[in-house]
Amino acid sequence: MDNLIIRKYVNDDFNEVIKLLKDNFNISDNIKSIDDNLNSFGIVALLNKKIVGYIRIDKLHNPFKNSYYYFLSYVCVDSNYQNAGIATKLLEFIFNMAKDDNISYIELTSRSSREVANHLYLKTGFVIRDTNVFRKEM
């Protein structure tokens, strides 16, 4: 993996990232852009100039702790490159960025059926919290 590059998402990455997301998640076919702003951005992993991994980060403020945290979503690696350490490298990049950004903690959610992903999260220092996630569709 000497030629693996981890960097922030740029608009030119759009088509490759959308393909990767469609291969890994049930997302809309008519996405026109990935809205990046000061509080929301993506990280990509490139291998031989091809995007093979992606993580979405939202930087959020916790007013009760007067601190900021990252919420990660759409963690994915191209199926042809899974189990090669790419997701670990993406997370390590984010951990270093979080330290530089004075982030207090990092959160994410994952279904229990995603056993490989859950193993990765535990291996990289995440802990399972005793909580439920609720959603109401509107």
N, C-alpha and C. Protein backbone atom coordinates (compact mmCIF):
# COMPACT_ATOMS: atom_id res chain seq x y z
N MET A 1 0.81 -1.21 0.00
CA MET A 1 0.00 0.00 0.00
C MET A 1 0.85 1.27 0.00
N ASP A 2 2.06 1.17 -0.50
CA ASP A 2 2.94 2.33 -0.53
C ASP A 2 2.38 3.47 -1.37
N ASN A 3 1.57 3.14 -2.37
CA ASN A 3 1.03 4.18 -3.24
C ASN A 3 -0.38 4.60 -2.85
N LEU A 4 -0.78 4.32 -1.61
CA LEU A 4 -2.08 4.75 -1.10
C LEU A 4 -1.98 6.21 -0.66
N ILE A 5 -2.89 7.02 -1.15
CA ILE A 5 -2.94 8.44 -0.78
C ILE A 5 -4.27 8.70 -0.09
N ILE A 6 -4.22 9.35 1.07
CA ILE A 6 -5.43 9.76 1.79
C ILE A 6 -5.45 11.28 1.77
N ARG A 7 -6.60 11.84 1.38
CA ARG A 7 -6.71 13.30 1.33
C ARG A 7 -8.18 13.71 1.42
N LYS A 8 -8.40 15.00 1.55
CA LYS A 8 -9.77 15.52 1.57
C LYS A 8 -10.40 15.40 0.18
N TYR A 9 -11.70 15.18 0.18
CA TYR A 9 -12.50 15.13 -1.03
C TYR A 9 -12.46 16.48 -1.73
N VAL A 10 -12.37 16.45 -3.06
CA VAL A 10 -12.51 17.65 -3.89
C VAL A 10 -13.60 17.38 -4.92
N ASN A 11 -14.18 18.43 -5.48
CA ASN A 11 -15.31 18.28 -6.41
C ASN A 11 -15.01 17.36 -7.59
N ASP A 12 -13.77 17.31 -8.03
CA ASP A 12 -13.42 16.42 -9.15
C ASP A 12 -13.56 14.94 -8.79
N ASP A 13 -13.69 14.63 -7.51
CA ASP A 13 -13.85 13.24 -7.05
C ASP A 13 -15.29 12.76 -7.15
N PHE A 14 -16.21 13.66 -7.46
CA PHE A 14 -17.65 13.40 -7.34
C PHE A 14 -18.07 12.08 -8.00
N ASN A 15 -17.80 11.88 -9.27
CA ASN A 15 -18.30 10.70 -9.98
C ASN A 15 -17.78 9.40 -9.39
N GLU A 16 -16.51 9.36 -9.04
CA GLU A 16 -15.95 8.14 -8.45
C GLU A 16 -16.53 7.87 -7.07
N VAL A 17 -16.72 8.93 -6.28
CA VAL A 17 -17.27 8.75 -4.93
C VAL A 17 -18.73 8.29 -5.02
N ILE A 18 -19.50 8.88 -5.92
CA ILE A 18 -20.90 8.47 -6.07
C ILE A 18 -20.99 7.00 -6.48
N LYS A 19 -20.15 6.56 -7.39
CA LYS A 19 -20.15 5.15 -7.78
C LYS A 19 -19.82 4.27 -6.58
N LEU A 20 -18.83 4.64 -5.81
CA LEU A 20 -18.46 3.88 -4.62
C LEU A 20 -19.61 3.83 -3.61
N LEU A 21 -20.27 4.97 -3.41
CA LEU A 21 -21.40 5.01 -2.48
C LEU A 21 -22.56 4.15 -2.97
N LYS A 22 -22.86 4.20 -4.26
CA LYS A 22 -23.95 3.38 -4.82
C LYS A 22 -23.65 1.90 -4.69
N ASP A 23 -22.37 1.53 -4.80
CA ASP A 23 -21.99 0.13 -4.66
C ASP A 23 -22.10 -0.37 -3.22
N ASN A 24 -22.06 0.56 -2.26
CA ASN A 24 -22.04 0.17 -0.84
C ASN A 24 -23.29 0.53 -0.06
N PHE A 25 -24.06 1.49 -0.54
CA PHE A 25 -25.22 1.97 0.21
C PHE A 25 -26.41 2.17 -0.72
N ASN A 26 -27.58 2.22 -0.14
CA ASN A 26 -28.79 2.49 -0.90
C ASN A 26 -28.98 4.01 -0.97
N ILE A 27 -28.37 4.63 -1.98
CA ILE A 27 -28.48 6.08 -2.11
C ILE A 27 -29.22 6.43 -3.39
N SER A 28 -29.70 7.64 -3.46
CA SER A 28 -30.48 8.12 -4.59
C SER A 28 -29.65 8.13 -5.87
N ASP A 29 -30.32 7.89 -6.99
CA ASP A 29 -29.65 7.93 -8.29
C ASP A 29 -29.46 9.34 -8.83
N ASN A 30 -30.14 10.31 -8.24
CA ASN A 30 -30.11 11.65 -8.83
C ASN A 30 -29.35 12.66 -7.97
N ILE A 31 -28.29 12.22 -7.32
CA ILE A 31 -27.46 13.15 -6.54
C ILE A 31 -26.67 14.01 -7.51
N LYS A 32 -26.75 15.31 -7.32
CA LYS A 32 -26.07 16.25 -8.22
C LYS A 32 -24.76 16.77 -7.63
N SER A 33 -24.66 16.77 -6.31
CA SER A 33 -23.43 17.25 -5.67
C SER A 33 -23.35 16.69 -4.26
N ILE A 34 -22.15 16.73 -3.75
CA ILE A 34 -21.94 16.42 -2.33
C ILE A 34 -21.62 17.76 -1.70
N ASP A 35 -22.56 18.28 -0.94
CA ASP A 35 -22.40 19.62 -0.38
C ASP A 35 -21.38 19.62 0.73
N ASP A 36 -20.23 20.14 0.43
CA ASP A 36 -19.20 20.30 1.45
C ASP A 36 -19.24 21.73 1.95
N ASN A 37 -19.07 21.89 3.22
CA ASN A 37 -19.02 23.22 3.81
C ASN A 37 -18.01 23.18 4.95
N LEU A 38 -17.96 24.22 5.73
CA LEU A 38 -16.97 24.27 6.80
C LEU A 38 -17.16 23.17 7.83
N ASN A 39 -18.38 22.68 7.99
CA ASN A 39 -18.66 21.69 9.02
C ASN A 39 -18.88 20.28 8.49
N SER A 40 -18.74 20.09 7.20
CA SER A 40 -19.02 18.80 6.61
C SER A 40 -18.09 18.58 5.41
N PHE A 41 -17.42 17.44 5.39
CA PHE A 41 -16.46 17.19 4.31
C PHE A 41 -16.20 15.70 4.20
N GLY A 42 -15.54 15.31 3.13
CA GLY A 42 -15.23 13.92 2.91
C GLY A 42 -13.73 13.69 2.87
N ILE A 43 -13.35 12.44 3.12
CA ILE A 43 -11.97 12.00 3.02
C ILE A 43 -11.96 10.83 2.04
N VAL A 44 -11.01 10.83 1.11
CA VAL A 44 -10.93 9.76 0.12
C VAL A 44 -9.59 9.04 0.24
N ALA A 45 -9.61 7.78 -0.15
CA ALA A 45 -8.39 6.98 -0.27
C ALA A 45 -8.20 6.68 -1.75
N LEU A 46 -7.02 6.98 -2.27
CA LEU A 46 -6.71 6.72 -3.67
C LEU A 46 -5.58 5.70 -3.77
N LEU A 47 -5.77 4.75 -4.65
CA LEU A 47 -4.76 3.75 -4.94
C LEU A 47 -4.54 3.76 -6.45
N ASN A 48 -3.34 4.08 -6.86
CA ASN A 48 -3.05 4.23 -8.30
C ASN A 48 -4.02 5.20 -8.96
N LYS A 49 -4.26 6.31 -8.29
CA LYS A 49 -5.12 7.41 -8.77
C LYS A 49 -6.60 7.05 -8.87
N LYS A 50 -7.00 5.90 -8.32
CA LYS A 50 -8.40 5.48 -8.31
C LYS A 50 -8.93 5.61 -6.88
N ILE A 51 -10.12 6.19 -6.72
CA ILE A 51 -10.71 6.30 -5.39
C ILE A 51 -11.23 4.93 -4.97
N VAL A 52 -10.69 4.44 -3.86
CA VAL A 52 -11.05 3.11 -3.37
C VAL A 52 -11.67 3.15 -1.98
N GLY A 53 -11.75 4.34 -1.37
CA GLY A 53 -12.34 4.46 -0.05
C GLY A 53 -12.86 5.86 0.19
N TYR A 54 -13.85 5.96 1.08
CA TYR A 54 -14.47 7.26 1.36
C TYR A 54 -15.06 7.23 2.76
N ILE A 55 -14.97 8.37 3.44
CA ILE A 55 -15.66 8.58 4.72
C ILE A 55 -16.17 10.01 4.73
N ARG A 56 -17.41 10.18 5.14
CA ARG A 56 -18.03 11.51 5.28
C ARG A 56 -17.89 11.93 6.74
N ILE A 57 -17.52 13.19 6.97
CA ILE A 57 -17.34 13.72 8.32
C ILE A 57 -18.19 14.96 8.50
N ASP A 58 -18.94 14.98 9.58
CA ASP A 58 -19.64 16.19 10.01
C ASP A 58 -19.00 16.64 11.31
N LYS A 59 -18.54 17.87 11.33
CA LYS A 59 -17.98 18.45 12.55
C LYS A 59 -19.13 19.15 13.27
N LEU A 60 -19.44 18.66 14.46
CA LEU A 60 -20.60 19.14 15.20
C LEU A 60 -20.19 19.71 16.55
N HIS A 61 -21.00 20.61 17.05
CA HIS A 61 -20.75 21.23 18.35
C HIS A 61 -21.66 20.60 19.39
N ASN A 62 -21.09 20.23 20.51
CA ASN A 62 -21.86 19.74 21.65
C ASN A 62 -21.94 20.89 22.65
N PRO A 63 -23.08 21.60 22.70
CA PRO A 63 -23.17 22.78 23.56
C PRO A 63 -23.11 22.44 25.05
N PHE A 64 -23.45 21.22 25.41
CA PHE A 64 -23.46 20.85 26.82
C PHE A 64 -22.07 20.53 27.35
N LYS A 65 -21.17 20.23 26.44
CA LYS A 65 -19.78 19.99 26.83
C LYS A 65 -18.86 21.08 26.30
N ASN A 66 -19.46 22.04 25.60
CA ASN A 66 -18.70 23.13 24.98
C ASN A 66 -17.49 22.59 24.21
N SER A 67 -17.76 21.59 23.37
CA SER A 67 -16.70 20.97 22.59
C SER A 67 -17.23 20.56 21.23
N TYR A 68 -16.31 20.22 20.36
CA TYR A 68 -16.67 19.75 19.02
C TYR A 68 -16.35 18.27 18.89
N TYR A 69 -17.12 17.60 18.03
CA TYR A 69 -16.86 16.20 17.75
C TYR A 69 -17.11 15.92 16.28
N TYR A 70 -16.57 14.80 15.80
CA TYR A 70 -16.81 14.35 14.44
C TYR A 70 -17.86 13.25 14.46
N PHE A 71 -18.79 13.32 13.52
CA PHE A 71 -19.72 12.23 13.28
C PHE A 71 -19.40 11.67 11.90
N LEU A 72 -19.04 10.39 11.85
CA LEU A 72 -18.65 9.75 10.60
C LEU A 72 -19.83 9.02 9.98
N SER A 73 -19.92 9.09 8.66
CA SER A 73 -20.96 8.35 7.94
C SER A 73 -20.41 7.91 6.59
N TYR A 74 -21.13 7.01 5.97
CA TYR A 74 -20.76 6.49 4.65
C TYR A 74 -19.31 6.00 4.60
N VAL A 75 -18.94 5.24 5.62
CA VAL A 75 -17.61 4.62 5.65
C VAL A 75 -17.62 3.46 4.66
N CYS A 76 -16.80 3.53 3.62
CA CYS A 76 -16.82 2.45 2.64
C CYS A 76 -15.49 2.31 1.91
N VAL A 77 -15.24 1.08 1.47
CA VAL A 77 -14.07 0.75 0.66
C VAL A 77 -14.56 -0.10 -0.51
N ASP A 78 -14.02 0.15 -1.68
CA ASP A 78 -14.34 -0.63 -2.88
C ASP A 78 -14.19 -2.12 -2.55
N SER A 79 -15.18 -2.93 -2.93
CA SER A 79 -15.18 -4.35 -2.57
C SER A 79 -13.93 -5.09 -3.09
N ASN A 80 -13.33 -4.61 -4.15
CA ASN A 80 -12.11 -5.24 -4.68
C ASN A 80 -10.88 -4.96 -3.83
N TYR A 81 -11.00 -4.03 -2.88
CA TYR A 81 -9.85 -3.62 -2.07
C TYR A 81 -10.10 -3.78 -0.57
N GLN A 82 -11.19 -4.44 -0.20
CA GLN A 82 -11.48 -4.62 1.22
C GLN A 82 -10.48 -5.59 1.85
N ASN A 83 -10.31 -5.46 3.15
CA ASN A 83 -9.38 -6.27 3.94
C ASN A 83 -7.93 -6.04 3.55
N ALA A 84 -7.64 -4.84 3.04
CA ALA A 84 -6.26 -4.49 2.69
C ALA A 84 -5.74 -3.36 3.58
N GLY A 85 -6.50 -3.00 4.61
CA GLY A 85 -6.07 -1.96 5.54
C GLY A 85 -6.44 -0.55 5.13
N ILE A 86 -7.20 -0.39 4.06
CA ILE A 86 -7.54 0.95 3.57
C ILE A 86 -8.45 1.69 4.55
N ALA A 87 -9.47 1.03 5.07
CA ALA A 87 -10.36 1.69 6.03
C ALA A 87 -9.60 2.08 7.29
N THR A 88 -8.69 1.23 7.73
CA THR A 88 -7.86 1.56 8.90
C THR A 88 -7.04 2.81 8.63
N LYS A 89 -6.45 2.89 7.44
CA LYS A 89 -5.66 4.09 7.09
C LYS A 89 -6.53 5.33 7.02
N LEU A 90 -7.74 5.21 6.48
CA LEU A 90 -8.67 6.34 6.46
C LEU A 90 -8.98 6.81 7.88
N LEU A 91 -9.28 5.86 8.76
CA LEU A 91 -9.59 6.23 10.14
C LEU A 91 -8.39 6.84 10.85
N GLU A 92 -7.20 6.29 10.64
CA GLU A 92 -6.00 6.86 11.27
C GLU A 92 -5.78 8.30 10.80
N PHE A 93 -6.02 8.56 9.52
CA PHE A 93 -5.91 9.92 8.98
C PHE A 93 -6.89 10.84 9.71
N ILE A 94 -8.11 10.36 9.90
CA ILE A 94 -9.14 11.15 10.59
C ILE A 94 -8.77 11.36 12.05
N PHE A 95 -8.23 10.34 12.71
CA PHE A 95 -7.82 10.49 14.12
C PHE A 95 -6.76 11.58 14.25
N ASN A 96 -5.80 11.58 13.37
CA ASN A 96 -4.75 12.62 13.41
C ASN A 96 -5.33 14.00 13.12
N MET A 97 -6.24 14.07 12.17
CA MET A 97 -6.89 15.34 11.87
C MET A 97 -7.70 15.82 13.07
N ALA A 98 -8.36 14.90 13.76
CA ALA A 98 -9.17 15.26 14.93
C ALA A 98 -8.31 15.83 16.05
N LYS A 99 -7.13 15.26 16.25
CA LYS A 99 -6.22 15.79 17.27
C LYS A 99 -5.81 17.21 16.93
N ASP A 100 -5.47 17.45 15.66
CA ASP A 100 -5.08 18.79 15.23
C ASP A 100 -6.24 19.78 15.31
N ASP A 101 -7.46 19.28 15.21
CA ASP A 101 -8.67 20.11 15.19
C ASP A 101 -9.30 20.24 16.58
N ASN A 102 -8.63 19.74 17.62
CA ASN A 102 -9.14 19.78 19.00
C ASN A 102 -10.53 19.16 19.14
N ILE A 103 -10.72 18.02 18.49
CA ILE A 103 -11.98 17.29 18.54
C ILE A 103 -11.99 16.45 19.81
N SER A 104 -13.11 16.50 20.55
CA SER A 104 -13.21 15.77 21.82
C SER A 104 -13.47 14.28 21.63
N TYR A 105 -14.27 13.93 20.64
CA TYR A 105 -14.58 12.52 20.40
C TYR A 105 -15.11 12.35 18.99
N ILE A 106 -15.18 11.09 18.56
CA ILE A 106 -15.68 10.74 17.24
C ILE A 106 -16.78 9.71 17.42
N GLU A 107 -17.89 9.93 16.73
CA GLU A 107 -19.02 9.00 16.80
C GLU A 107 -19.36 8.49 15.41
N LEU A 108 -19.98 7.31 15.39
CA LEU A 108 -20.56 6.77 14.17
C LEU A 108 -21.60 5.74 14.57
N THR A 109 -22.42 5.36 13.63
CA THR A 109 -23.38 4.28 13.88
C THR A 109 -23.11 3.17 12.87
N SER A 110 -23.47 1.96 13.25
CA SER A 110 -23.28 0.82 12.36
C SER A 110 -24.28 -0.27 12.74
N ARG A 111 -24.91 -0.85 11.74
CA ARG A 111 -25.84 -1.95 12.01
C ARG A 111 -25.07 -3.17 12.52
N SER A 112 -25.70 -3.94 13.38
CA SER A 112 -25.03 -5.12 13.93
C SER A 112 -24.71 -6.14 12.84
N SER A 113 -25.43 -6.11 11.73
CA SER A 113 -25.17 -7.05 10.64
C SER A 113 -23.87 -6.74 9.89
N ARG A 114 -23.32 -5.57 10.08
CA ARG A 114 -22.06 -5.19 9.41
C ARG A 114 -20.88 -5.65 10.27
N GLU A 115 -20.72 -6.94 10.37
CA GLU A 115 -19.74 -7.53 11.29
C GLU A 115 -18.31 -7.11 10.98
N VAL A 116 -17.94 -7.08 9.71
CA VAL A 116 -16.56 -6.70 9.35
C VAL A 116 -16.30 -5.25 9.74
N ALA A 117 -17.26 -4.37 9.42
CA ALA A 117 -17.11 -2.96 9.78
C ALA A 117 -17.04 -2.79 11.29
N ASN A 118 -17.90 -3.49 12.01
CA ASN A 118 -17.90 -3.37 13.47
C ASN A 118 -16.59 -3.86 14.07
N HIS A 119 -16.02 -4.90 13.50
CA HIS A 119 -14.71 -5.38 13.97
C HIS A 119 -13.65 -4.29 13.75
N LEU A 120 -13.70 -3.64 12.60
CA LEU A 120 -12.77 -2.54 12.31
C LEU A 120 -12.91 -1.44 13.35
N TYR A 121 -14.13 -1.05 13.66
CA TYR A 121 -14.34 0.05 14.62
C TYR A 121 -13.80 -0.32 15.99
N LEU A 122 -14.06 -1.53 16.43
CA LEU A 122 -13.55 -1.97 17.74
C LEU A 122 -12.02 -2.03 17.72
N LYS A 123 -11.46 -2.54 16.63
CA LYS A 123 -10.00 -2.66 16.50
C LYS A 123 -9.31 -1.30 16.53
N THR A 124 -9.99 -0.27 16.05
CA THR A 124 -9.38 1.06 15.99
C THR A 124 -9.76 1.94 17.19
N GLY A 125 -10.34 1.34 18.23
CA GLY A 125 -10.54 2.06 19.48
C GLY A 125 -11.94 2.56 19.77
N PHE A 126 -12.88 2.34 18.87
CA PHE A 126 -14.26 2.73 19.16
C PHE A 126 -14.84 1.75 20.17
N VAL A 127 -15.78 2.20 20.97
CA VAL A 127 -16.48 1.33 21.91
C VAL A 127 -17.98 1.40 21.60
N ILE A 128 -18.64 0.27 21.82
CA ILE A 128 -20.08 0.22 21.62
C ILE A 128 -20.76 0.89 22.80
N ARG A 129 -21.62 1.84 22.52
CA ARG A 129 -22.33 2.54 23.58
C ARG A 129 -23.68 1.87 23.81
N ASP A 130 -24.14 1.94 25.03
CA ASP A 130 -25.43 1.36 25.38
C ASP A 130 -26.51 2.38 25.01
N THR A 131 -26.94 2.33 23.77
CA THR A 131 -27.92 3.30 23.29
C THR A 131 -28.72 2.69 22.15
N ASN A 132 -29.80 3.32 21.84
CA ASN A 132 -30.61 2.97 20.68
C ASN A 132 -30.65 4.16 19.75
N VAL A 133 -30.76 3.90 18.48
CA VAL A 133 -30.93 4.97 17.51
C VAL A 133 -32.37 4.93 17.05
N PHE A 134 -33.04 6.05 17.15
CA PHE A 134 -34.43 6.14 16.72
C PHE A 134 -34.52 7.07 15.54
N ARG A 135 -35.48 6.81 14.65
CA ARG A 135 -35.69 7.68 13.50
C ARG A 135 -37.18 7.76 13.22
N LYS A 136 -37.63 8.93 12.86
CA LYS A 136 -39.00 9.12 12.41
C LYS A 136 -38.93 9.72 11.02
N GLU A 137 -39.42 8.98 10.04
CA GLU A 137 -39.44 9.49 8.66
C GLU A 137 -40.53 10.54 8.54
N MET A 138 -40.24 11.59 7.81
CA MET A 138 -41.20 12.68 7.63
C MET A 138 -41.57 12.81 6.17
